[in-house]
Amino acid sequence: MSKLDINDILGIPEEYNIVSKPKLAISDNIRKQVEKKSTTLQEVAESVGLKYENVTSVTSVHEYSIDTLLKVLHGLDMELVVRPKN
């Protein structure tokens, strides 16, 4: 008998672990930086030439382009670091 994983029991698709978990971590870090810099998402949007809705798509884990993400990160003096998984 094979061991069941909690994701199998709850019916959570593998895509959640591949896409949603990292997006949640990214949006959480962005929100923390916004708070740390005492700014608003509207101000970030204006500083990088994006619409407010585009910025909130990053912080609310909706679909967004890598270009949008990079612009938001730039506006918050953040950078994306890609490394092998632990």
N, C-alpha and C. Protein backbone atom coordinates (compact mmCIF):
# COMPACT_ATOMS: atom_id res chain seq x y z
N MET A 1 0.84 -1.18 0.00
CA MET A 1 0.00 0.00 0.00
C MET A 1 0.89 1.25 0.00
N SER A 2 0.60 2.19 -0.91
CA SER A 2 1.41 3.40 -1.00
C SER A 2 0.92 4.44 0.00
N LYS A 3 1.87 5.30 0.43
CA LYS A 3 1.55 6.36 1.37
C LYS A 3 0.82 7.48 0.64
N LEU A 4 -0.23 7.97 1.25
CA LEU A 4 -0.95 9.11 0.69
C LEU A 4 -0.36 10.41 1.21
N ASP A 5 -0.27 11.36 0.34
CA ASP A 5 0.20 12.69 0.68
C ASP A 5 -1.02 13.55 1.02
N ILE A 6 -0.88 14.52 1.91
CA ILE A 6 -1.99 15.40 2.28
C ILE A 6 -2.57 16.12 1.06
N ASN A 7 -1.72 16.46 0.10
CA ASN A 7 -2.21 17.11 -1.12
C ASN A 7 -3.12 16.18 -1.90
N ASP A 8 -2.81 14.88 -1.89
CA ASP A 8 -3.67 13.91 -2.56
C ASP A 8 -5.02 13.80 -1.85
N ILE A 9 -4.97 13.77 -0.53
CA ILE A 9 -6.20 13.65 0.25
C ILE A 9 -7.11 14.85 0.04
N LEU A 10 -6.51 16.04 0.04
CA LEU A 10 -7.31 17.26 -0.12
C LEU A 10 -7.60 17.61 -1.58
N GLY A 11 -6.95 16.89 -2.50
CA GLY A 11 -7.17 17.15 -3.92
C GLY A 11 -6.50 18.41 -4.41
N ILE A 12 -5.40 18.80 -3.77
CA ILE A 12 -4.68 20.00 -4.18
C ILE A 12 -3.80 19.64 -5.38
N PRO A 13 -3.98 20.33 -6.50
CA PRO A 13 -3.18 20.00 -7.69
C PRO A 13 -1.70 20.35 -7.50
N GLU A 14 -0.84 19.63 -8.18
CA GLU A 14 0.60 19.87 -8.09
C GLU A 14 0.96 21.30 -8.50
N GLU A 15 0.16 21.89 -9.38
CA GLU A 15 0.42 23.25 -9.82
C GLU A 15 0.46 24.22 -8.64
N TYR A 16 -0.30 23.94 -7.59
CA TYR A 16 -0.28 24.81 -6.41
C TYR A 16 1.13 24.93 -5.85
N ASN A 17 1.82 23.82 -5.73
CA ASN A 17 3.17 23.83 -5.19
C ASN A 17 4.17 24.45 -6.15
N ILE A 18 3.93 24.28 -7.43
CA ILE A 18 4.87 24.78 -8.44
C ILE A 18 4.70 26.28 -8.66
N VAL A 19 3.46 26.76 -8.67
CA VAL A 19 3.19 28.16 -9.03
C VAL A 19 2.68 28.99 -7.86
N SER A 20 1.67 28.53 -7.20
CA SER A 20 1.00 29.36 -6.19
C SER A 20 1.84 29.62 -4.96
N LYS A 21 2.52 28.61 -4.45
CA LYS A 21 3.35 28.82 -3.26
C LYS A 21 4.44 29.87 -3.50
N PRO A 22 5.21 29.77 -4.59
CA PRO A 22 6.21 30.82 -4.83
C PRO A 22 5.59 32.20 -5.04
N LYS A 23 4.44 32.26 -5.73
CA LYS A 23 3.79 33.55 -5.94
C LYS A 23 3.33 34.15 -4.62
N LEU A 24 2.88 33.32 -3.70
CA LEU A 24 2.49 33.80 -2.38
C LEU A 24 3.70 34.38 -1.64
N ALA A 25 4.83 33.71 -1.75
CA ALA A 25 6.05 34.19 -1.10
C ALA A 25 6.50 35.52 -1.70
N ILE A 26 6.44 35.63 -3.01
CA ILE A 26 6.81 36.87 -3.69
C ILE A 26 5.90 38.01 -3.24
N SER A 27 4.60 37.79 -3.28
CA SER A 27 3.66 38.86 -2.92
C SER A 27 3.82 39.25 -1.45
N ASP A 28 4.09 38.29 -0.58
CA ASP A 28 4.30 38.60 0.83
C ASP A 28 5.53 39.49 1.01
N ASN A 29 6.62 39.16 0.33
CA ASN A 29 7.84 39.97 0.42
C ASN A 29 7.64 41.37 -0.14
N ILE A 30 6.89 41.48 -1.21
CA ILE A 30 6.60 42.79 -1.80
C ILE A 30 5.78 43.63 -0.83
N ARG A 31 4.75 43.05 -0.23
CA ARG A 31 3.92 43.79 0.72
C ARG A 31 4.75 44.26 1.92
N LYS A 32 5.66 43.41 2.39
CA LYS A 32 6.53 43.80 3.51
C LYS A 32 7.44 44.97 3.12
N GLN A 33 7.94 44.95 1.89
CA GLN A 33 8.81 46.04 1.43
C GLN A 33 8.03 47.33 1.27
N VAL A 34 6.80 47.26 0.80
CA VAL A 34 5.95 48.44 0.67
C VAL A 34 5.77 49.07 2.06
N GLU A 35 5.48 48.24 3.03
CA GLU A 35 5.31 48.73 4.40
C GLU A 35 6.62 49.31 4.95
N LYS A 36 7.72 48.61 4.72
CA LYS A 36 9.03 49.06 5.21
C LYS A 36 9.41 50.42 4.62
N LYS A 37 9.10 50.62 3.35
CA LYS A 37 9.45 51.86 2.67
C LYS A 37 8.41 52.97 2.92
N SER A 38 7.38 52.65 3.67
CA SER A 38 6.30 53.61 3.95
C SER A 38 5.78 54.25 2.67
N THR A 39 5.47 53.41 1.71
CA THR A 39 4.94 53.86 0.43
C THR A 39 3.61 53.17 0.19
N THR A 40 3.02 53.41 -0.95
CA THR A 40 1.76 52.75 -1.32
C THR A 40 1.95 52.05 -2.66
N LEU A 41 1.06 51.13 -2.95
CA LEU A 41 1.12 50.46 -4.25
C LEU A 41 0.86 51.45 -5.38
N GLN A 42 0.04 52.45 -5.13
CA GLN A 42 -0.22 53.49 -6.13
C GLN A 42 1.07 54.25 -6.44
N GLU A 43 1.83 54.59 -5.42
CA GLU A 43 3.10 55.30 -5.62
C GLU A 43 4.11 54.43 -6.35
N VAL A 44 4.14 53.14 -6.03
CA VAL A 44 5.03 52.22 -6.75
C VAL A 44 4.64 52.18 -8.21
N ALA A 45 3.35 52.04 -8.48
CA ALA A 45 2.86 51.98 -9.85
C ALA A 45 3.28 53.23 -10.63
N GLU A 46 3.06 54.39 -10.05
CA GLU A 46 3.42 55.65 -10.71
C GLU A 46 4.92 55.75 -10.95
N SER A 47 5.72 55.27 -10.01
CA SER A 47 7.17 55.41 -10.14
C SER A 47 7.76 54.55 -11.26
N VAL A 48 7.06 53.50 -11.65
CA VAL A 48 7.59 52.62 -12.70
C VAL A 48 6.72 52.60 -13.95
N GLY A 49 5.74 53.49 -14.02
CA GLY A 49 4.91 53.60 -15.22
C GLY A 49 3.93 52.48 -15.43
N LEU A 50 3.41 51.94 -14.34
CA LEU A 50 2.41 50.88 -14.42
C LEU A 50 1.07 51.40 -13.91
N LYS A 51 0.01 50.72 -14.29
CA LYS A 51 -1.29 51.01 -13.71
C LYS A 51 -1.35 50.35 -12.34
N TYR A 52 -2.10 50.96 -11.45
CA TYR A 52 -2.28 50.43 -10.10
C TYR A 52 -2.75 48.97 -10.15
N GLU A 53 -3.66 48.66 -11.06
CA GLU A 53 -4.20 47.32 -11.18
C GLU A 53 -3.12 46.29 -11.50
N ASN A 54 -2.12 46.71 -12.29
CA ASN A 54 -1.03 45.80 -12.62
C ASN A 54 -0.19 45.47 -11.38
N VAL A 55 0.02 46.47 -10.56
CA VAL A 55 0.81 46.26 -9.34
C VAL A 55 0.03 45.38 -8.36
N THR A 56 -1.24 45.63 -8.23
CA THR A 56 -2.02 44.82 -7.30
C THR A 56 -2.17 43.38 -7.79
N SER A 57 -2.03 43.14 -9.08
CA SER A 57 -2.08 41.76 -9.56
C SER A 57 -0.90 40.96 -9.02
N VAL A 58 0.22 41.63 -8.81
CA VAL A 58 1.40 40.95 -8.24
C VAL A 58 1.19 40.67 -6.76
N THR A 59 0.63 41.61 -6.05
CA THR A 59 0.47 41.43 -4.61
C THR A 59 -0.75 40.60 -4.24
N SER A 60 -1.62 40.35 -5.19
CA SER A 60 -2.80 39.53 -4.90
C SER A 60 -2.73 38.17 -5.59
N VAL A 61 -1.58 37.80 -6.09
CA VAL A 61 -1.29 36.49 -6.66
C VAL A 61 -2.15 36.17 -7.88
N HIS A 62 -2.50 37.19 -8.64
CA HIS A 62 -3.19 36.96 -9.91
C HIS A 62 -2.16 36.75 -11.01
N GLU A 63 -2.63 36.58 -12.21
CA GLU A 63 -1.73 36.43 -13.36
C GLU A 63 -1.03 37.76 -13.64
N TYR A 64 0.25 37.70 -13.88
CA TYR A 64 1.01 38.88 -14.25
C TYR A 64 2.23 38.45 -15.05
N SER A 65 2.79 39.40 -15.80
CA SER A 65 3.94 39.09 -16.62
C SER A 65 5.22 39.26 -15.81
N ILE A 66 6.28 38.65 -16.26
CA ILE A 66 7.59 38.82 -15.63
C ILE A 66 8.02 40.27 -15.73
N ASP A 67 7.66 40.95 -16.81
CA ASP A 67 7.99 42.37 -16.96
C ASP A 67 7.35 43.20 -15.84
N THR A 68 6.08 42.91 -15.56
CA THR A 68 5.38 43.62 -14.49
C THR A 68 6.07 43.36 -13.15
N LEU A 69 6.38 42.11 -12.89
CA LEU A 69 7.06 41.76 -11.64
C LEU A 69 8.38 42.51 -11.51
N LEU A 70 9.17 42.51 -12.56
CA LEU A 70 10.48 43.16 -12.51
C LEU A 70 10.35 44.67 -12.31
N LYS A 71 9.34 45.28 -12.91
CA LYS A 71 9.13 46.71 -12.72
C LYS A 71 8.72 47.01 -11.27
N VAL A 72 7.84 46.20 -10.72
CA VAL A 72 7.43 46.39 -9.33
C VAL A 72 8.64 46.24 -8.40
N LEU A 73 9.43 45.21 -8.63
CA LEU A 73 10.62 45.00 -7.81
C LEU A 73 11.57 46.20 -7.92
N HIS A 74 11.74 46.70 -9.13
CA HIS A 74 12.61 47.86 -9.34
C HIS A 74 12.09 49.07 -8.55
N GLY A 75 10.79 49.28 -8.61
CA GLY A 75 10.20 50.40 -7.90
C GLY A 75 10.34 50.32 -6.39
N LEU A 76 10.59 49.11 -5.89
CA LEU A 76 10.76 48.92 -4.46
C LEU A 76 12.21 48.65 -4.07
N ASP A 77 13.13 48.87 -5.00
CA ASP A 77 14.55 48.60 -4.75
C ASP A 77 14.78 47.15 -4.34
N MET A 78 14.12 46.25 -5.06
CA MET A 78 14.27 44.81 -4.81
C MET A 78 14.78 44.17 -6.10
N GLU A 79 15.27 42.95 -5.98
CA GLU A 79 15.69 42.22 -7.16
C GLU A 79 15.26 40.77 -7.07
N LEU A 80 15.17 40.14 -8.20
CA LEU A 80 14.82 38.74 -8.28
C LEU A 80 16.10 37.92 -8.31
N VAL A 81 16.18 36.92 -7.45
CA VAL A 81 17.33 36.04 -7.40
C VAL A 81 16.86 34.64 -7.73
N VAL A 82 17.48 34.03 -8.72
CA VAL A 82 17.12 32.67 -9.11
C VAL A 82 18.26 31.75 -8.68
N ARG A 83 17.90 30.69 -7.98
CA ARG A 83 18.90 29.77 -7.48
C ARG A 83 18.34 28.36 -7.51
N PRO A 84 19.18 27.36 -7.42
CA PRO A 84 18.68 25.99 -7.36
C PRO A 84 17.83 25.79 -6.09
N LYS A 85 16.86 24.90 -6.19
CA LYS A 85 16.03 24.57 -5.03
C LYS A 85 16.89 23.93 -3.96
N ASN A 86 16.44 24.09 -2.72
CA ASN A 86 17.13 23.44 -1.61
C ASN A 86 16.87 21.95 -1.62
